[in-house]
Amino acid sequence: MPYLIAENDIKSLIAKFSPAKILWVDTEIADYKSNPRLSLIQVLADSTDATGDATFLLDVLDKPELAKNFISQIMVNPNIEKVLHNASYDIRFLGNDDAQNVTCTLQMARKIPAYILPLPNRQLKTLIETLCGIAYVDKTEQSGNWASRPLTQKQLEYAKMDAVYLAKVHRRLLEIVEECYPDPATENLTALGEKYQRIEAQWKPLDSEIAEVKERFKAGMLAQNLKDSAYFQLSSSIAMKVDFMTLARLTQTEGIELNFPVTLTKEIQKQLGEVIADPSLAVEDIASWRLNSIIQQRRKSTKKVVPQPETEDLTGLGERYKEILPEWKLLDSEVEHLKERIKKAMLVQNKGNTPHFKLSSSSILKVDFASLAKLALSAGVELDFMVTLTPYIQKRLGDAINKIDVKIDYITSWRMTAKTVEDEDEEIPF
């Protein structure tokens, strides 16, 4: 566990790691609640290390130049795969959007179907204890004082082992992902289809009830003028939109290059007319495949007496939701996983139909905004549609955004509280 404090030692190590193919990276943040700043960067290049002896601890507290050096040589280097847990948090201090080739074990774990990985959450502690056979991982130092110096031996021990745990979890997740998705070329589509139908028969009643409870709860809270309850809360967000031509003219006038994909809907294609064939547009034709079940499950229609929203028993409804949610989540994840495997297998095996499914395709046309804007302005084509100003676009526009008339939409969303879902929030826009 080399603990590096001297500037030259840290720079030398960063240079040593710059040709690496893969690194496991973690950080410790000082004053993360009030004035968050980098304290340590932990780097591991040997995933077989079980002791932490191969973990390098780089002390970069209040040394921004060293952090910049690490970012420029490691984080933005596309040839080095950087593995982190909850990477979106760490890269706030390690390059933000400039960081490239980043693998997030949190996202990897979330993509594994819940029925295969039925965990209450996807925290590193939970993953290492569950997947790697380690009985208990002490994370008390995570919220310790990383702004003080010298660091305690317990802090250093904690920091070095976090990188080891990260590498272990990453390796195990890769194994699980490989097990989850067998070779599509050898999948038995008949057996998969039969399994899907068995699972779907259990899933459908729960899925319909989940949807019904959500709608009733939403209507009840709105009717009873409630923004919060023991199970759900209503919240709002802001969507900023602007007319495409207004944004196109602004970027041309201000010399701002905006690169993001625009989907060419049928209406936009119609507005473009023959101009759509201009080679400068570089239209990307993306095939989209849809899997449809051939054999539909027959169900008896039952007419329920639903209370008026004003008199809805939200406590009873919430308890019912909590009761059926765990089983639904497992079945829902298995249904989605089976459909994904079947679709991949049908594509690889070049089958449009099986005894259980039919595969159909459609095309989505996409172009880069900058190319579309340039062509529309030069050809004198007035395109009439709205563009949502994402955080990326707002950042690129900077102060220039104040020069245009921006339409603001207030969107009410349906957010599940942590009292119902432990792992993460769920938003249901309406």
Protein backbone atom coordinates (compact mmCIF):
# COMPACT_ATOMS: atom_id res chain seq x y z
CA MET A 1 0.00 0.00 0.00
CA PRO A 2 2.28 2.80 -1.18
CA TYR A 3 0.96 6.06 0.27
CA LEU A 4 2.33 8.89 -1.87
CA ILE A 5 2.52 12.43 -0.58
CA ALA A 6 5.42 14.01 -2.50
CA GLU A 7 4.47 15.76 -5.74
CA ASN A 8 7.26 14.13 -7.79
CA ASP A 9 6.34 10.64 -6.57
CA ILE A 10 2.69 11.14 -7.52
CA LYS A 11 3.59 12.50 -10.97
CA SER A 12 5.95 9.59 -11.57
CA LEU A 13 3.28 7.07 -10.65
CA ILE A 14 0.72 8.75 -12.93
CA ALA A 15 3.22 8.55 -15.79
CA LYS A 16 3.86 4.89 -14.96
CA PHE A 17 0.16 4.09 -15.17
CA SER A 18 -0.48 6.03 -18.41
CA PRO A 19 0.17 2.97 -20.68
CA ALA A 20 -2.13 0.71 -18.60
CA LYS A 21 -5.06 -1.08 -20.25
CA ILE A 22 -7.31 -1.07 -17.17
CA LEU A 23 -7.22 0.58 -13.74
CA TRP A 24 -9.56 0.31 -10.75
CA VAL A 25 -10.02 3.80 -9.32
CA ASP A 26 -11.65 5.16 -6.17
CA THR A 27 -11.63 8.51 -4.38
CA GLU A 28 -12.07 9.86 -0.89
CA ILE A 29 -13.63 13.30 -0.59
CA ALA A 30 -12.92 15.85 2.11
CA ASP A 31 -15.77 17.90 3.56
CA TYR A 32 -18.18 16.22 1.16
CA LYS A 33 -21.23 17.91 2.72
CA SER A 34 -20.01 21.49 2.93
CA ASN A 35 -17.03 22.03 0.63
CA PRO A 36 -16.31 18.80 -1.27
CA ARG A 37 -12.79 18.42 -2.64
CA LEU A 38 -10.47 15.57 -3.52
CA SER A 39 -8.52 14.08 -0.65
CA LEU A 40 -7.24 10.76 -2.00
CA ILE A 41 -7.17 8.97 -5.33
CA GLN A 42 -6.79 5.20 -4.99
CA VAL A 43 -5.43 3.33 -7.99
CA LEU A 44 -5.09 -0.42 -8.47
CA ALA A 45 -3.65 -2.07 -11.59
CA ASP A 46 -3.62 -5.68 -10.34
CA SER A 47 -7.10 -7.14 -9.94
CA THR A 48 -5.71 -10.30 -8.31
CA ASP A 49 -4.45 -8.34 -5.28
CA ALA A 50 -6.41 -9.42 -2.20
CA THR A 51 -4.43 -7.53 0.45
CA GLY A 52 -4.31 -3.97 -0.85
CA ASP A 53 -0.53 -4.04 -1.06
CA ALA A 54 -0.78 -3.15 -4.77
CA THR A 55 -3.12 -0.22 -4.17
CA PHE A 56 -1.50 3.19 -4.60
CA LEU A 57 -2.91 6.01 -2.48
CA LEU A 58 -2.30 9.44 -4.01
CA ASP A 59 -2.68 12.27 -1.51
CA VAL A 60 -3.98 15.19 -3.57
CA LEU A 61 -5.73 17.21 -0.87
CA ASP A 62 -5.61 20.89 -1.92
CA LYS A 63 -3.21 20.00 -4.76
CA PRO A 64 -5.34 20.78 -7.83
CA GLU A 65 -2.39 20.56 -10.24
CA LEU A 66 -1.80 16.92 -9.29
CA ALA A 67 -5.49 16.15 -9.79
CA LYS A 68 -5.33 17.83 -13.21
CA ASN A 69 -2.28 15.73 -14.06
CA PHE A 70 -4.16 12.55 -13.16
CA ILE A 71 -7.16 13.67 -15.21
CA SER A 72 -5.12 14.59 -18.29
CA GLN A 73 -2.99 11.43 -18.35
CA ILE A 74 -5.45 8.84 -17.01
CA MET A 75 -9.08 9.93 -16.98
CA VAL A 76 -9.31 11.45 -20.47
CA ASN A 77 -7.14 8.73 -22.02
CA PRO A 78 -9.51 6.57 -24.12
CA ASN A 79 -7.02 3.69 -24.19
CA ILE A 80 -7.27 3.11 -20.43
CA GLU A 81 -10.44 1.55 -19.04
CA LYS A 82 -11.20 3.13 -15.68
CA VAL A 83 -13.43 1.08 -13.39
CA LEU A 84 -15.24 2.94 -10.60
CA HIS A 85 -18.29 2.35 -8.45
CA ASN A 86 -20.96 5.04 -8.71
CA ALA A 87 -18.69 6.65 -11.28
CA SER A 88 -20.94 9.67 -11.83
CA TYR A 89 -19.99 10.90 -8.35
CA ASP A 90 -16.23 10.35 -8.63
CA ILE A 91 -15.84 11.86 -12.08
CA ARG A 92 -17.27 15.12 -10.75
CA PHE A 93 -13.78 15.49 -9.30
CA LEU A 94 -11.97 13.57 -12.06
CA GLY A 95 -12.73 15.25 -15.34
CA ASN A 96 -16.54 15.32 -15.54
CA ASP A 97 -17.67 14.99 -19.17
CA ASP A 98 -14.07 14.83 -20.40
CA ALA A 99 -13.49 11.45 -18.74
CA GLN A 100 -13.45 8.63 -21.29
CA ASN A 101 -13.69 4.83 -21.25
CA VAL A 102 -15.22 4.72 -17.78
CA THR A 103 -16.90 1.55 -16.51
CA CYS A 104 -19.29 1.93 -13.59
CA THR A 105 -19.87 -1.20 -11.50
CA LEU A 106 -23.03 0.37 -10.06
CA GLN A 107 -24.51 0.61 -13.55
CA MET A 108 -23.28 -2.90 -14.38
CA ALA A 109 -25.07 -4.25 -11.32
CA ARG A 110 -28.25 -2.35 -12.13
CA LYS A 111 -28.33 -3.82 -15.63
CA ILE A 112 -28.27 -7.37 -14.29
CA PRO A 113 -31.90 -8.52 -13.93
CA ALA A 114 -33.24 -8.29 -10.39
CA TYR A 115 -34.30 -11.94 -10.37
CA ILE A 116 -30.67 -12.93 -10.95
CA LEU A 117 -29.27 -10.35 -8.52
CA PRO A 118 -32.07 -9.92 -5.94
CA LEU A 119 -30.40 -7.39 -3.65
CA PRO A 120 -31.93 -4.58 -1.59
CA ASN A 121 -29.46 -2.12 -3.15
CA ARG A 122 -26.37 -2.00 -5.36
CA GLN A 123 -23.97 -0.37 -2.92
CA LEU A 124 -20.36 -1.58 -3.06
CA LYS A 125 -20.65 -2.95 0.49
CA THR A 126 -23.71 -5.01 -0.45
CA LEU A 127 -22.12 -6.30 -3.66
CA ILE A 128 -18.83 -7.33 -2.07
CA GLU A 129 -20.54 -9.08 0.85
CA THR A 130 -23.07 -10.85 -1.37
CA LEU A 131 -21.08 -11.69 -4.49
CA CYS A 132 -17.59 -12.27 -3.14
CA GLY A 133 -18.19 -14.22 0.05
CA ILE A 134 -16.87 -11.57 2.40
CA ALA A 135 -18.94 -11.68 5.59
CA TYR A 136 -18.66 -8.04 6.64
CA VAL A 137 -17.17 -4.88 5.18
CA ASP A 138 -16.67 -1.96 7.55
CA LYS A 139 -17.60 1.28 5.76
CA THR A 140 -17.58 3.59 8.79
CA GLU A 141 -14.52 5.46 7.50
CA GLN A 142 -16.43 6.42 4.34
CA SER A 143 -17.87 9.38 6.21
CA GLY A 144 -14.70 10.03 8.19
CA ASN A 145 -12.69 13.25 8.27
CA TRP A 146 -10.68 13.10 5.03
CA ALA A 147 -9.67 16.75 5.37
CA SER A 148 -7.43 16.14 8.38
CA ARG A 149 -3.76 15.22 8.18
CA PRO A 150 -2.11 12.96 9.02
CA LEU A 151 -4.58 10.28 7.98
CA THR A 152 -5.05 7.51 10.51
CA GLN A 153 -3.90 3.95 9.87
CA LYS A 154 -7.55 2.90 9.85
CA GLN A 155 -8.33 5.42 7.11
CA LEU A 156 -5.41 4.23 5.00
CA GLU A 157 -6.46 0.60 5.48
CA TYR A 158 -10.02 1.44 4.47
CA ALA A 159 -8.86 3.39 1.39
CA LYS A 160 -6.58 0.65 0.07
CA MET A 161 -9.18 -2.10 0.51
CA ASP A 162 -11.91 -0.16 -1.30
CA ALA A 163 -9.93 -0.51 -4.52
CA VAL A 164 -9.48 -4.24 -3.86
CA TYR A 165 -13.22 -4.69 -3.25
CA LEU A 166 -13.97 -2.74 -6.41
CA ALA A 167 -11.78 -5.03 -8.53
CA LYS A 168 -13.33 -8.15 -6.97
CA VAL A 169 -16.87 -6.92 -7.59
CA HIS A 170 -16.02 -5.92 -11.16
CA ARG A 171 -14.61 -9.35 -11.93
CA ARG A 172 -17.64 -11.12 -10.42
CA LEU A 173 -20.09 -8.87 -12.28
CA LEU A 174 -18.38 -9.68 -15.56
CA GLU A 175 -18.86 -13.38 -14.81
CA ILE A 176 -22.54 -12.90 -14.00
CA VAL A 177 -23.14 -10.85 -17.15
CA GLU A 178 -21.55 -13.61 -19.22
CA GLU A 179 -23.81 -16.18 -17.53
CA CYS A 180 -26.87 -13.97 -18.08
CA TYR A 181 -26.41 -13.76 -21.80
CA PRO A 182 -25.48 -17.10 -23.42
CA ASP A 183 -24.36 -17.24 -27.04
CA PRO A 184 -27.42 -16.10 -29.09
CA ALA A 185 -26.40 -18.43 -31.92
CA THR A 186 -27.02 -21.51 -29.78
CA GLU A 187 -30.09 -20.35 -27.82
CA ASN A 188 -33.02 -22.81 -27.89
CA LEU A 189 -35.77 -20.44 -28.97
CA THR A 190 -38.58 -22.94 -28.42
CA ALA A 191 -37.53 -23.61 -24.84
CA LEU A 192 -37.03 -19.87 -24.22
CA GLY A 193 -40.48 -19.11 -25.63
CA GLU A 194 -42.14 -21.70 -23.41
CA LYS A 195 -40.31 -20.36 -20.36
CA TYR A 196 -41.36 -16.83 -21.26
CA GLN A 197 -45.01 -17.82 -21.44
CA ARG A 198 -44.85 -19.48 -18.01
CA ILE A 199 -43.29 -16.39 -16.46
CA GLU A 200 -45.62 -14.02 -18.32
CA ALA A 201 -48.68 -15.84 -16.93
CA GLN A 202 -47.49 -15.01 -13.40
CA TRP A 203 -46.31 -11.50 -14.28
CA LYS A 204 -49.33 -10.12 -16.14
CA PRO A 205 -51.83 -10.02 -13.24
CA LEU A 206 -49.26 -8.33 -10.99
CA ASP A 207 -48.22 -5.90 -13.71
CA SER A 208 -51.80 -4.82 -14.33
CA GLU A 209 -52.41 -4.41 -10.59
CA ILE A 210 -49.22 -2.38 -10.12
CA ALA A 211 -50.34 -0.05 -12.93
CA GLU A 212 -53.82 0.25 -11.45
CA VAL A 213 -52.55 1.03 -7.95
CA LYS A 214 -50.22 3.72 -9.31
CA GLU A 215 -53.01 5.40 -11.24
CA ARG A 216 -55.41 5.25 -8.30
CA PHE A 217 -52.76 6.59 -5.92
CA LYS A 218 -51.91 9.41 -8.29
CA ALA A 219 -55.56 10.36 -8.76
CA GLY A 220 -56.18 10.11 -5.01
CA MET A 221 -53.27 12.40 -4.09
CA LEU A 222 -54.28 14.97 -6.69
CA ALA A 223 -57.93 14.90 -5.61
CA GLN A 224 -57.01 15.10 -1.92
CA ASN A 225 -54.47 17.85 -2.66
CA LEU A 226 -51.52 15.91 -1.24
CA LYS A 227 -47.95 16.43 -2.40
CA ASP A 228 -46.47 13.84 -0.07
CA SER A 229 -47.54 10.61 1.63
CA ALA A 230 -45.94 7.68 3.40
CA TYR A 231 -45.46 5.94 0.04
CA PHE A 232 -45.27 8.49 -2.78
CA GLN A 233 -44.62 12.12 -3.41
CA LEU A 234 -45.47 14.46 -6.25
CA SER A 235 -42.68 16.66 -7.52
CA SER A 236 -42.15 18.95 -10.47
CA SER A 237 -39.29 19.65 -12.83
CA ILE A 238 -38.64 22.23 -15.51
CA ALA A 239 -38.14 21.47 -19.19
CA MET A 240 -36.71 24.29 -21.29
CA LYS A 241 -37.55 24.23 -24.99
CA VAL A 242 -36.81 26.43 -27.97
CA ASP A 243 -37.81 26.48 -31.61
CA PHE A 244 -35.27 24.68 -33.82
CA MET A 245 -34.75 27.60 -36.22
CA THR A 246 -34.23 30.03 -33.33
CA LEU A 247 -31.52 27.74 -31.91
CA ALA A 248 -29.99 27.22 -35.35
CA ARG A 249 -29.70 30.96 -35.98
CA LEU A 250 -28.31 31.59 -32.50
CA THR A 251 -25.56 28.99 -32.88
CA GLN A 252 -24.64 30.39 -36.31
CA THR A 253 -24.53 34.00 -35.05
CA GLU A 254 -22.57 33.13 -31.90
CA GLY A 255 -20.31 30.56 -33.57
CA ILE A 256 -21.37 27.82 -31.16
CA GLU A 257 -20.94 24.20 -32.25
CA LEU A 258 -23.69 21.98 -30.88
CA ASN A 259 -23.31 18.25 -31.47
CA PHE A 260 -26.23 16.13 -30.41
CA PRO A 261 -28.52 13.75 -32.32
CA VAL A 262 -31.85 14.89 -33.73
CA THR A 263 -34.45 12.27 -34.68
CA LEU A 264 -35.97 12.96 -38.08
CA THR A 265 -39.63 12.30 -37.49
CA LYS A 266 -41.95 11.83 -40.46
CA GLU A 267 -43.09 15.43 -40.04
CA ILE A 268 -39.53 16.76 -40.12
CA GLN A 269 -38.74 14.57 -43.14
CA LYS A 270 -41.77 16.05 -44.87
CA GLN A 271 -40.60 19.59 -44.07
CA LEU A 272 -37.12 18.85 -45.43
CA GLY A 273 -38.43 17.43 -48.68
CA GLU A 274 -35.74 16.65 -51.25
CA VAL A 275 -33.12 18.44 -49.13
CA ILE A 276 -32.96 15.33 -46.92
CA ALA A 277 -30.87 13.67 -49.64
CA ASP A 278 -28.08 16.27 -49.31
CA PRO A 279 -24.88 14.31 -48.49
CA SER A 280 -23.79 16.92 -45.93
CA LEU A 281 -26.66 15.81 -43.72
CA ALA A 282 -25.13 12.35 -43.15
CA VAL A 283 -28.41 10.72 -42.15
CA GLU A 284 -27.93 7.72 -39.87
CA ASP A 285 -30.47 4.94 -40.43
CA ILE A 286 -30.84 2.97 -37.19
CA ALA A 287 -32.78 -0.28 -37.29
CA SER A 288 -35.17 -0.81 -34.40
CA TRP A 289 -36.46 -4.31 -33.72
CA ARG A 290 -39.73 -5.14 -31.99
CA LEU A 291 -40.56 -8.51 -30.45
CA ASN A 292 -44.24 -9.46 -30.41
CA SER A 293 -45.77 -12.47 -28.72
CA ILE A 294 -47.76 -14.57 -31.19
CA ILE A 295 -49.76 -16.45 -28.56
CA GLN A 296 -51.66 -13.99 -26.39
CA GLN A 297 -52.77 -14.97 -22.92
CA ARG A 298 -56.54 -14.89 -22.57
CA ARG A 299 -57.84 -13.33 -19.42
CA LYS A 300 -61.31 -12.87 -18.05
CA SER A 301 -62.31 -9.26 -17.74
CA THR A 302 -63.38 -8.36 -14.25
CA LYS A 303 -65.20 -5.15 -13.44
CA LYS A 304 -63.97 -3.63 -10.21
CA VAL A 305 -65.66 -1.05 -8.09
CA VAL A 306 -63.03 1.66 -7.64
CA PRO A 307 -63.54 4.28 -4.92
CA GLN A 308 -63.71 7.95 -5.85
CA PRO A 309 -60.25 9.61 -5.70
CA GLU A 310 -61.49 11.96 -2.97
CA THR A 311 -62.29 9.02 -0.66
CA GLU A 312 -59.46 6.69 -1.70
CA ASP A 313 -57.76 4.95 1.25
CA LEU A 314 -54.17 5.87 0.39
CA THR A 315 -52.71 3.98 3.34
CA GLY A 316 -54.38 0.72 2.36
CA LEU A 317 -53.47 1.27 -1.28
CA GLY A 318 -49.86 1.98 -0.37
CA GLU A 319 -49.63 -1.16 1.76
CA ARG A 320 -50.96 -3.25 -1.11
CA TYR A 321 -48.36 -1.69 -3.41
CA LYS A 322 -45.57 -2.56 -0.97
CA GLU A 323 -46.91 -6.09 -0.68
CA ILE A 324 -46.89 -6.93 -4.40
CA LEU A 325 -43.90 -4.83 -5.47
CA PRO A 326 -41.09 -7.31 -4.60
CA GLU A 327 -42.64 -10.22 -6.52
CA TRP A 328 -43.51 -7.96 -9.46
CA LYS A 329 -39.97 -6.57 -9.68
CA LEU A 330 -38.46 -10.06 -9.88
CA LEU A 331 -40.95 -11.29 -12.47
CA ASP A 332 -40.74 -8.05 -14.47
CA SER A 333 -36.94 -8.28 -14.63
CA GLU A 334 -37.15 -11.90 -15.81
CA VAL A 335 -39.72 -11.06 -18.49
CA GLU A 336 -37.52 -8.26 -19.84
CA HIS A 337 -34.39 -10.41 -19.69
CA LEU A 338 -36.03 -13.29 -21.57
CA LYS A 339 -37.37 -10.93 -24.25
CA GLU A 340 -33.90 -9.45 -24.71
CA ARG A 341 -32.32 -12.90 -25.07
CA ILE A 342 -35.01 -14.05 -27.50
CA LYS A 343 -34.66 -10.92 -29.65
CA LYS A 344 -30.87 -11.25 -29.85
CA ALA A 345 -31.10 -14.96 -30.65
CA MET A 346 -33.70 -14.43 -33.39
CA LEU A 347 -31.52 -11.76 -35.00
CA VAL A 348 -28.37 -13.88 -34.85
CA GLN A 349 -30.16 -17.01 -36.04
CA ASN A 350 -31.90 -14.97 -38.77
CA LYS A 351 -35.41 -15.98 -37.73
CA GLY A 352 -38.36 -13.68 -38.18
CA ASN A 353 -40.80 -16.08 -36.55
CA THR A 354 -40.79 -18.77 -33.88
CA PRO A 355 -43.70 -20.75 -32.41
CA HIS A 356 -44.04 -18.00 -29.79
CA PHE A 357 -42.74 -14.73 -31.26
CA LYS A 358 -42.61 -12.53 -34.32
CA LEU A 359 -39.79 -10.07 -34.98
CA SER A 360 -40.49 -6.86 -36.89
CA SER A 361 -38.24 -3.93 -37.72
CA SER A 362 -38.53 -0.20 -38.29
CA SER A 363 -36.05 2.56 -39.03
CA ILE A 364 -35.12 5.61 -37.00
CA LEU A 365 -33.36 8.39 -38.88
CA LYS A 366 -30.95 10.56 -36.90
CA VAL A 367 -28.73 13.50 -37.86
CA ASP A 368 -26.37 15.75 -35.95
CA PHE A 369 -27.93 19.07 -34.92
CA ALA A 370 -25.03 21.14 -36.30
CA SER A 371 -25.35 19.51 -39.75
CA LEU A 372 -29.13 19.91 -39.82
CA ALA A 373 -28.96 23.53 -38.68
CA LYS A 374 -26.32 24.44 -41.27
CA LEU A 375 -28.27 22.77 -44.09
CA ALA A 376 -31.61 24.27 -43.10
CA LEU A 377 -30.16 27.80 -42.96
CA SER A 378 -28.23 27.49 -46.24
CA ALA A 379 -31.15 25.90 -48.10
CA GLY A 380 -33.71 28.31 -46.66
CA VAL A 381 -35.82 25.51 -45.19
CA GLU A 382 -37.90 26.56 -42.18
CA LEU A 383 -38.16 23.57 -39.85
CA ASP A 384 -40.97 23.82 -37.32
CA PHE A 385 -40.30 21.74 -34.18
CA MET A 386 -39.11 22.26 -30.64
CA VAL A 387 -35.73 21.29 -29.18
CA THR A 388 -35.40 20.45 -25.47
CA LEU A 389 -32.49 22.36 -23.95
CA THR A 390 -30.68 19.61 -22.09
CA PRO A 391 -28.00 20.50 -19.50
CA TYR A 392 -25.37 19.82 -22.20
CA ILE A 393 -26.97 22.33 -24.59
CA GLN A 394 -27.46 24.91 -21.84
CA LYS A 395 -23.80 24.57 -20.87
CA ARG A 396 -22.62 24.95 -24.47
CA LEU A 397 -24.82 27.99 -25.03
CA GLY A 398 -23.63 29.74 -21.88
CA ASP A 399 -24.79 33.37 -21.63
CA ALA A 400 -26.02 33.25 -25.23
CA ILE A 401 -29.15 31.45 -23.98
CA ASN A 402 -30.38 34.81 -22.69
CA LYS A 403 -30.62 36.10 -26.28
CA ILE A 404 -33.47 33.78 -27.26
CA ASP A 405 -37.06 33.27 -26.17
CA VAL A 406 -37.08 30.02 -24.22
CA LYS A 407 -40.33 28.20 -23.54
CA ILE A 408 -40.46 26.69 -20.07
CA ASP A 409 -42.66 23.67 -19.39
CA TYR A 410 -43.34 22.70 -15.80
CA ILE A 411 -43.63 18.93 -15.65
CA THR A 412 -45.22 17.18 -12.68
CA SER A 413 -43.68 13.81 -12.00
CA TRP A 414 -44.66 10.93 -9.78
CA ARG A 415 -41.74 10.00 -7.56
CA MET A 416 -41.56 6.97 -5.27
CA THR A 417 -40.03 7.64 -1.89
CA ALA A 418 -37.24 5.60 -0.31
CA LYS A 419 -39.80 4.25 2.18
CA THR A 420 -41.13 2.02 -0.60
CA VAL A 421 -38.07 1.41 -2.74
CA GLU A 422 -34.68 0.96 -1.08
CA ASP A 423 -32.43 0.94 -4.11
CA GLU A 424 -33.42 4.00 -6.10
CA ASP A 425 -36.22 6.40 -6.88
CA GLU A 426 -38.67 5.72 -9.64
CA GLU A 427 -40.24 8.52 -11.63
CA ILE A 428 -43.50 8.15 -13.49
CA PRO A 429 -44.11 11.28 -15.63
CA PHE A 430 -47.68 12.28 -16.31
